[in-house]
Amino acid sequence: MVKGSFTAATYPLRNSTILDSSTTLYIFNKLVRFYNYHYTPENNYVYTRDSTVPILRYGEIDLKLTYYSKKVLLYLKNVTFC
């Protein structure tokens, strides 16, 4: 559990990638990570606990991982940029 009071700018995991095999949507907050992205139609949102966040683009991201001491590339499609 993360303790303390954080803003979006100071949240410790802000620039982390958290992989979840049961998710239906990956969200990234840095457009420079994307390639082959495209704009979304208006009124596309991610619903949070008490608000909505507009989805600005969809695209593709490569993640460089180390898996059992081997370097691997994980390719994610239809990732959202918010």
N, C-alpha and C. Protein backbone atom coordinates (compact mmCIF):
# COMPACT_ATOMS: atom_id res chain seq x y z
N MET A 1 0.83 -1.17 0.00
CA MET A 1 0.00 0.00 0.00
C MET A 1 0.88 1.24 0.00
N VAL A 2 0.54 2.21 -0.80
CA VAL A 2 1.28 3.46 -0.86
C VAL A 2 0.71 4.39 0.19
N LYS A 3 1.57 4.87 1.08
CA LYS A 3 1.11 5.76 2.14
C LYS A 3 1.48 7.19 1.83
N GLY A 4 0.71 8.11 2.36
CA GLY A 4 1.00 9.52 2.18
C GLY A 4 0.01 10.16 1.23
N SER A 5 0.22 11.42 1.01
CA SER A 5 -0.64 12.18 0.12
C SER A 5 0.13 12.49 -1.15
N PHE A 6 -0.39 12.06 -2.29
CA PHE A 6 0.29 12.24 -3.56
C PHE A 6 -0.61 12.96 -4.53
N THR A 7 0.00 13.75 -5.38
CA THR A 7 -0.72 14.31 -6.52
C THR A 7 -0.32 13.46 -7.73
N ALA A 8 -0.99 13.69 -8.86
CA ALA A 8 -0.65 12.94 -10.07
C ALA A 8 0.82 13.12 -10.44
N ALA A 9 1.37 14.30 -10.19
CA ALA A 9 2.76 14.58 -10.56
C ALA A 9 3.76 13.89 -9.63
N THR A 10 3.38 13.61 -8.39
CA THR A 10 4.32 13.03 -7.44
C THR A 10 4.04 11.57 -7.12
N TYR A 11 3.05 10.98 -7.73
CA TYR A 11 2.71 9.58 -7.46
C TYR A 11 3.89 8.70 -7.84
N PRO A 12 4.37 7.84 -6.93
CA PRO A 12 5.59 7.06 -7.17
C PRO A 12 5.56 6.15 -8.40
N LEU A 13 4.39 5.64 -8.77
CA LEU A 13 4.30 4.73 -9.91
C LEU A 13 3.91 5.43 -11.21
N ARG A 14 3.94 6.73 -11.23
CA ARG A 14 3.48 7.51 -12.39
C ARG A 14 4.12 7.06 -13.70
N ASN A 15 5.40 6.78 -13.69
CA ASN A 15 6.11 6.41 -14.93
C ASN A 15 6.43 4.92 -15.00
N SER A 16 5.71 4.13 -14.25
CA SER A 16 5.92 2.68 -14.25
C SER A 16 4.96 2.01 -15.22
N THR A 17 5.32 0.81 -15.62
CA THR A 17 4.44 -0.03 -16.41
C THR A 17 4.05 -1.21 -15.54
N ILE A 18 2.77 -1.35 -15.31
CA ILE A 18 2.26 -2.45 -14.49
C ILE A 18 1.52 -3.39 -15.42
N LEU A 19 2.03 -4.60 -15.57
CA LEU A 19 1.40 -5.57 -16.46
C LEU A 19 0.37 -6.38 -15.67
N ASP A 20 -0.81 -6.50 -16.24
CA ASP A 20 -1.90 -7.25 -15.61
C ASP A 20 -2.53 -8.13 -16.67
N SER A 21 -2.39 -9.42 -16.54
CA SER A 21 -2.87 -10.34 -17.58
C SER A 21 -4.39 -10.38 -17.68
N SER A 22 -5.10 -9.85 -16.71
CA SER A 22 -6.56 -9.87 -16.77
C SER A 22 -7.18 -8.55 -17.18
N THR A 23 -6.37 -7.57 -17.52
CA THR A 23 -6.92 -6.27 -17.91
C THR A 23 -7.47 -6.31 -19.33
N THR A 24 -8.40 -5.44 -19.60
CA THR A 24 -8.92 -5.31 -20.96
C THR A 24 -8.41 -4.05 -21.63
N LEU A 25 -7.65 -3.24 -20.89
CA LEU A 25 -7.19 -1.96 -21.43
C LEU A 25 -5.90 -1.53 -20.74
N TYR A 26 -4.89 -1.22 -21.52
CA TYR A 26 -3.66 -0.63 -20.98
C TYR A 26 -3.68 0.86 -21.25
N ILE A 27 -3.26 1.63 -20.25
CA ILE A 27 -3.26 3.09 -20.35
C ILE A 27 -1.84 3.58 -20.08
N PHE A 28 -1.34 4.45 -20.98
CA PHE A 28 -0.04 5.09 -20.79
C PHE A 28 -0.25 6.59 -20.79
N ASN A 29 0.64 7.30 -20.11
CA ASN A 29 0.51 8.75 -19.99
C ASN A 29 1.62 9.52 -20.70
N LYS A 30 2.44 8.85 -21.48
CA LYS A 30 3.52 9.52 -22.23
C LYS A 30 3.38 9.18 -23.70
N LEU A 31 3.06 10.20 -24.51
CA LEU A 31 2.85 9.98 -25.93
C LEU A 31 4.12 9.53 -26.64
N VAL A 32 5.29 9.88 -26.13
CA VAL A 32 6.55 9.48 -26.78
C VAL A 32 6.75 7.97 -26.77
N ARG A 33 6.03 7.23 -25.94
CA ARG A 33 6.13 5.77 -25.90
C ARG A 33 5.39 5.11 -27.06
N PHE A 34 4.51 5.86 -27.73
CA PHE A 34 3.63 5.30 -28.76
C PHE A 34 4.24 5.40 -30.15
N TYR A 35 3.84 4.48 -31.01
CA TYR A 35 4.07 4.59 -32.44
C TYR A 35 2.84 4.04 -33.14
N ASN A 36 2.67 4.40 -34.37
CA ASN A 36 1.48 4.00 -35.13
C ASN A 36 0.19 4.34 -34.39
N TYR A 37 0.16 5.51 -33.78
CA TYR A 37 -1.04 5.86 -33.04
C TYR A 37 -2.04 6.60 -33.92
N HIS A 38 -3.27 6.61 -33.50
CA HIS A 38 -4.32 7.34 -34.21
C HIS A 38 -5.23 8.00 -33.19
N TYR A 39 -5.86 9.07 -33.64
CA TYR A 39 -6.78 9.81 -32.77
C TYR A 39 -8.05 9.01 -32.56
N THR A 40 -8.72 9.28 -31.48
CA THR A 40 -9.96 8.57 -31.17
C THR A 40 -11.16 9.43 -31.53
N PRO A 41 -12.29 8.82 -31.72
CA PRO A 41 -13.50 9.61 -31.92
C PRO A 41 -13.81 10.40 -30.64
N GLU A 42 -14.58 11.44 -30.78
CA GLU A 42 -14.96 12.22 -29.60
C GLU A 42 -15.77 11.35 -28.66
N ASN A 43 -15.77 11.75 -27.41
CA ASN A 43 -16.56 11.07 -26.37
C ASN A 43 -16.08 9.66 -26.04
N ASN A 44 -14.78 9.40 -26.18
CA ASN A 44 -14.18 8.16 -25.68
C ASN A 44 -13.54 8.49 -24.34
N TYR A 45 -13.96 7.79 -23.30
CA TYR A 45 -13.49 8.08 -21.95
C TYR A 45 -13.14 6.81 -21.21
N VAL A 46 -12.27 6.96 -20.22
CA VAL A 46 -12.03 5.94 -19.21
C VAL A 46 -12.75 6.43 -17.97
N TYR A 47 -13.53 5.56 -17.38
CA TYR A 47 -14.26 5.93 -16.17
C TYR A 47 -13.44 5.55 -14.95
N THR A 48 -13.23 6.52 -14.08
CA THR A 48 -12.50 6.28 -12.84
C THR A 48 -13.51 6.22 -11.70
N ARG A 49 -13.02 6.16 -10.52
CA ARG A 49 -13.92 6.05 -9.36
C ARG A 49 -14.97 7.15 -9.34
N ASP A 50 -14.54 8.40 -9.55
CA ASP A 50 -15.49 9.51 -9.42
C ASP A 50 -15.42 10.52 -10.56
N SER A 51 -14.81 10.15 -11.67
CA SER A 51 -14.72 11.09 -12.79
C SER A 51 -14.47 10.32 -14.09
N THR A 52 -14.34 11.06 -15.16
CA THR A 52 -13.98 10.48 -16.45
C THR A 52 -12.71 11.15 -16.96
N VAL A 53 -11.93 10.38 -17.72
CA VAL A 53 -10.69 10.90 -18.31
C VAL A 53 -10.79 10.65 -19.81
N PRO A 54 -10.62 11.68 -20.64
CA PRO A 54 -10.75 11.47 -22.08
C PRO A 54 -9.60 10.62 -22.62
N ILE A 55 -9.93 9.69 -23.51
CA ILE A 55 -8.92 8.93 -24.24
C ILE A 55 -8.55 9.78 -25.46
N LEU A 56 -7.29 10.15 -25.58
CA LEU A 56 -6.86 11.04 -26.65
C LEU A 56 -6.40 10.30 -27.89
N ARG A 57 -5.78 9.13 -27.69
CA ARG A 57 -5.28 8.35 -28.83
C ARG A 57 -5.23 6.88 -28.46
N TYR A 58 -5.18 6.04 -29.50
CA TYR A 58 -4.88 4.63 -29.37
C TYR A 58 -3.62 4.36 -30.17
N GLY A 59 -2.83 3.41 -29.74
CA GLY A 59 -1.62 3.12 -30.49
C GLY A 59 -0.96 1.84 -30.05
N GLU A 60 0.31 1.71 -30.41
CA GLU A 60 1.10 0.52 -30.12
C GLU A 60 2.33 0.92 -29.32
N ILE A 61 2.73 0.02 -28.45
CA ILE A 61 3.89 0.24 -27.58
C ILE A 61 4.72 -1.03 -27.52
N ASP A 62 6.03 -0.88 -27.52
CA ASP A 62 6.95 -1.99 -27.27
C ASP A 62 7.51 -1.83 -25.87
N LEU A 63 7.54 -2.92 -25.11
CA LEU A 63 8.14 -2.92 -23.79
C LEU A 63 9.34 -3.85 -23.80
N LYS A 64 10.47 -3.36 -23.35
CA LYS A 64 11.67 -4.18 -23.25
C LYS A 64 11.71 -4.77 -21.84
N LEU A 65 11.67 -6.09 -21.76
CA LEU A 65 11.61 -6.79 -20.48
C LEU A 65 12.79 -7.74 -20.32
N THR A 66 13.07 -8.09 -19.09
CA THR A 66 14.01 -9.16 -18.80
C THR A 66 13.21 -10.30 -18.19
N TYR A 67 13.28 -11.45 -18.82
CA TYR A 67 12.51 -12.61 -18.40
C TYR A 67 13.46 -13.79 -18.26
N TYR A 68 13.65 -14.24 -17.04
CA TYR A 68 14.62 -15.31 -16.77
C TYR A 68 15.97 -15.01 -17.40
N SER A 69 16.48 -13.82 -17.14
CA SER A 69 17.79 -13.35 -17.62
C SER A 69 17.88 -13.16 -19.12
N LYS A 70 16.76 -13.27 -19.83
CA LYS A 70 16.75 -13.03 -21.28
C LYS A 70 16.03 -11.72 -21.57
N LYS A 71 16.55 -10.98 -22.50
CA LYS A 71 15.90 -9.75 -22.96
C LYS A 71 14.80 -10.13 -23.96
N VAL A 72 13.59 -9.66 -23.71
CA VAL A 72 12.47 -9.94 -24.60
C VAL A 72 11.73 -8.64 -24.91
N LEU A 73 11.01 -8.64 -26.00
CA LEU A 73 10.23 -7.49 -26.42
C LEU A 73 8.76 -7.87 -26.38
N LEU A 74 7.99 -7.12 -25.61
CA LEU A 74 6.55 -7.34 -25.52
C LEU A 74 5.86 -6.26 -26.32
N TYR A 75 5.02 -6.66 -27.23
CA TYR A 75 4.34 -5.77 -28.15
C TYR A 75 2.89 -5.63 -27.70
N LEU A 76 2.45 -4.41 -27.37
CA LEU A 76 1.07 -4.15 -26.96
C LEU A 76 0.36 -3.34 -28.03
N LYS A 77 -0.83 -3.80 -28.40
CA LYS A 77 -1.65 -3.11 -29.41
C LYS A 77 -2.88 -2.50 -28.72
N ASN A 78 -3.44 -1.49 -29.36
CA ASN A 78 -4.65 -0.82 -28.87
C ASN A 78 -4.50 -0.30 -27.45
N VAL A 79 -3.35 0.29 -27.18
CA VAL A 79 -3.07 0.91 -25.90
C VAL A 79 -3.64 2.33 -25.93
N THR A 80 -4.19 2.77 -24.81
CA THR A 80 -4.77 4.11 -24.78
C THR A 80 -3.77 5.12 -24.23
N PHE A 81 -3.88 6.33 -24.72
CA PHE A 81 -3.12 7.47 -24.19
C PHE A 81 -4.12 8.41 -23.57
N CYS A 82 -3.96 8.65 -22.28
CA CYS A 82 -4.83 9.57 -21.54
C CYS A 82 -3.99 10.65 -20.89
